[in-house]
Structures are given as C-alpha cells and as structure tokens.
Amino acid sequence: MISQEFKPAFSDTLEYFKRNFILPVDEPETNLRIDFAAGLTVFDKEVISRRTRKSFGGAEVFVCTLEDLIIYKLFAGRYADLSDIEFLLEKNISTVDKKYLLQTAESFVELEREDMLENLNKLLKK
C-alpha cells in the first residue's frame, strides 16, 4: 500500500526542482523513488498526451510511456540512466517504438543535445 505522504528525496529537493523542473520524492512504505515532472516544455506536453493510466498500490495513476521514460533518461544522461535504458531496451526490444525514439532524440539535436541521439544509437545496437 502506498502511504499518503511523500518525503523529499534529498535535502535540496526544492533547489533541484528549480533547476530541473523535476520533483524527486521517496514513498516511505514502499521505499520507491518517484519523479514528478512539472510539464512545462513542448516535449512534456507530448508526454502528457501519450500517458497511460495504471493501477498502483490501490490507486490509479498516470505514467509516461516506456519510450518517453527512455527519452527522459537520455536527457538526464547520467551513467545510471544509460544503464537503465540498456536494461529497458533489453527487456522490451520487440515492442519499443524505435522510430518514435529516434525521431524524438533527433529533435533534441537543435537544443545542442547531440549526445542523446548518439547514446540512443549506441544502445539500440547492443
């Protein structure tokens, strides 16, 4: 069961939110880390339009698609995120929408994030 309270993920969670528009919290009963996105960018609006409803711990919640989670992780670009993507692709390679991933990652090139497309191509070749 999910508790009614979330705890800040770390001491400067508010500062992190101001920089990244992501609010990371921990759910104490399940010890899960949950990231709430502010939904301010064009991409975020697309993610919201593609979201799905899931039952989780007795509650109905909206979650982003697998592909959008991968794009968010490419954007973060940390080693742990790239490792997560590798695992997600390994487990879902037959169903993941590669065309959407490539088109979306390519759209970030104009924001000087060529690394996202480069990393995605490397991970898809594994």
Protein backbone atom coordinates (compact mmCIF):
# COMPACT_ATOMS: atom_id res chain seq x y z
CA MET A 1 0.00 0.00 0.00
CA ILE A 2 1.28 3.47 -0.83
CA SER A 3 1.23 5.94 2.03
CA GLN A 4 -0.49 9.29 1.77
CA GLU A 5 2.78 11.15 2.33
CA PHE A 6 5.86 11.59 0.20
CA LYS A 7 9.20 12.63 1.65
CA PRO A 8 11.75 14.84 -0.14
CA ALA A 9 14.29 12.63 -1.90
CA PHE A 10 17.19 14.70 -0.58
CA SER A 11 17.83 17.84 1.43
CA ASP A 12 17.91 20.29 -1.51
CA THR A 13 14.94 18.83 -3.41
CA LEU A 14 13.39 22.28 -3.93
CA GLU A 15 16.62 23.63 -5.45
CA TYR A 16 16.81 20.55 -7.67
CA PHE A 17 13.24 21.23 -8.82
CA LYS A 18 14.08 24.85 -9.64
CA ARG A 19 16.98 23.70 -11.85
CA ASN A 20 15.42 20.65 -13.50
CA PHE A 21 11.62 21.01 -13.20
CA ILE A 22 11.54 17.52 -11.69
CA LEU A 23 10.44 16.92 -8.09
CA PRO A 24 12.01 13.70 -6.77
CA VAL A 25 10.29 12.20 -3.74
CA ASP A 26 10.51 8.97 -1.79
CA GLU A 27 7.47 6.96 -0.79
CA PRO A 28 8.34 5.68 2.70
CA GLU A 29 6.23 2.50 2.85
CA THR A 30 7.50 1.02 -0.43
CA ASN A 31 10.86 2.85 -0.48
CA LEU A 32 10.21 3.87 -4.10
CA ARG A 33 11.69 6.99 -5.68
CA ILE A 34 9.08 8.87 -7.71
CA ASP A 35 9.85 11.80 -10.00
CA PHE A 36 7.10 14.32 -10.65
CA ALA A 37 7.72 16.37 -13.81
CA ALA A 38 6.46 19.96 -13.97
CA GLY A 39 5.21 19.52 -17.54
CA LEU A 40 6.36 22.90 -18.85
CA THR A 41 8.05 22.04 -22.17
CA VAL A 42 6.60 21.09 -25.54
CA PHE A 43 8.04 17.61 -25.00
CA ASP A 44 6.38 17.37 -21.57
CA LYS A 45 3.04 18.28 -23.14
CA GLU A 46 3.55 15.47 -25.68
CA VAL A 47 4.38 13.06 -22.85
CA ILE A 48 1.19 14.06 -21.03
CA SER A 49 -0.87 13.43 -24.18
CA ARG A 50 0.69 9.95 -24.52
CA ARG A 51 0.40 8.94 -20.85
CA THR A 52 -1.37 5.81 -19.71
CA ARG A 53 -3.40 5.08 -16.59
CA LYS A 54 -2.13 2.27 -14.33
CA SER A 55 -3.30 0.79 -11.07
CA PHE A 56 -0.57 1.09 -8.45
CA GLY A 57 -0.92 0.19 -4.79
CA GLY A 58 -4.69 0.59 -4.85
CA ALA A 59 -4.52 3.96 -6.62
CA GLU A 60 -4.98 4.93 -10.25
CA VAL A 61 -2.01 6.93 -11.52
CA PHE A 62 -0.86 8.29 -14.86
CA VAL A 63 2.54 7.14 -16.08
CA CYS A 64 4.57 8.06 -19.11
CA THR A 65 5.12 5.54 -21.88
CA LEU A 66 8.24 3.40 -21.97
CA GLU A 67 9.53 5.44 -24.90
CA ASP A 68 9.06 8.74 -23.07
CA LEU A 69 10.78 7.36 -19.97
CA ILE A 70 13.72 6.42 -22.19
CA ILE A 71 13.83 9.95 -23.65
CA TYR A 72 13.78 11.47 -20.15
CA LYS A 73 16.65 9.19 -19.16
CA LEU A 74 18.59 10.10 -22.31
CA PHE A 75 18.09 13.75 -21.41
CA ALA A 76 19.44 13.18 -17.89
CA GLY A 77 22.35 11.31 -19.46
CA ARG A 78 23.88 10.01 -16.23
CA TYR A 79 25.61 6.64 -16.21
CA ALA A 80 22.79 5.15 -14.11
CA ASP A 81 20.18 6.44 -16.58
CA LEU A 82 22.03 4.97 -19.57
CA SER A 83 22.31 1.68 -17.71
CA ASP A 84 18.55 1.79 -17.02
CA ILE A 85 17.89 2.39 -20.73
CA GLU A 86 20.06 -0.57 -21.67
CA PHE A 87 18.02 -2.78 -19.31
CA LEU A 88 14.67 -1.38 -20.53
CA LEU A 89 15.61 -1.93 -24.17
CA GLU A 90 16.86 -5.44 -23.46
CA LYS A 91 13.54 -6.36 -21.83
CA ASN A 92 11.32 -4.55 -24.37
CA ILE A 93 13.24 -4.54 -27.65
CA SER A 94 10.47 -6.28 -29.59
CA THR A 95 7.76 -3.80 -28.55
CA VAL A 96 9.53 -0.47 -28.07
CA ASP A 97 8.74 2.15 -30.74
CA LYS A 98 12.24 2.71 -32.15
CA LYS A 99 11.02 5.14 -34.79
CA TYR A 100 9.48 7.41 -32.13
CA LEU A 101 12.64 7.19 -30.01
CA LEU A 102 14.92 8.13 -32.91
CA GLN A 103 12.69 10.98 -34.13
CA THR A 104 12.32 12.40 -30.64
CA ALA A 105 16.02 12.12 -29.77
CA GLU A 106 16.83 13.79 -33.09
CA SER A 107 14.58 16.73 -32.19
CA PHE A 108 16.85 17.45 -29.21
CA VAL A 109 19.85 17.97 -31.53
CA GLU A 110 18.64 21.52 -32.21
CA LEU A 111 18.98 22.10 -28.44
CA GLU A 112 22.64 21.06 -28.72
CA ARG A 113 21.93 17.64 -27.24
CA GLU A 114 23.50 15.52 -29.97
CA ASP A 115 24.61 13.17 -27.20
CA MET A 116 21.03 11.94 -26.78
CA LEU A 117 20.84 10.63 -30.35
CA GLU A 118 24.39 9.26 -30.19
CA ASN A 119 23.70 7.40 -26.94
CA LEU A 120 20.40 6.05 -28.22
CA ASN A 121 22.01 4.72 -31.39
CA LYS A 122 24.73 3.01 -29.34
CA LEU A 123 22.18 1.44 -27.01
CA LEU A 124 19.96 0.23 -29.85
CA LYS A 125 22.94 -1.55 -31.43
CA LYS A 126 23.69 -3.61 -28.30
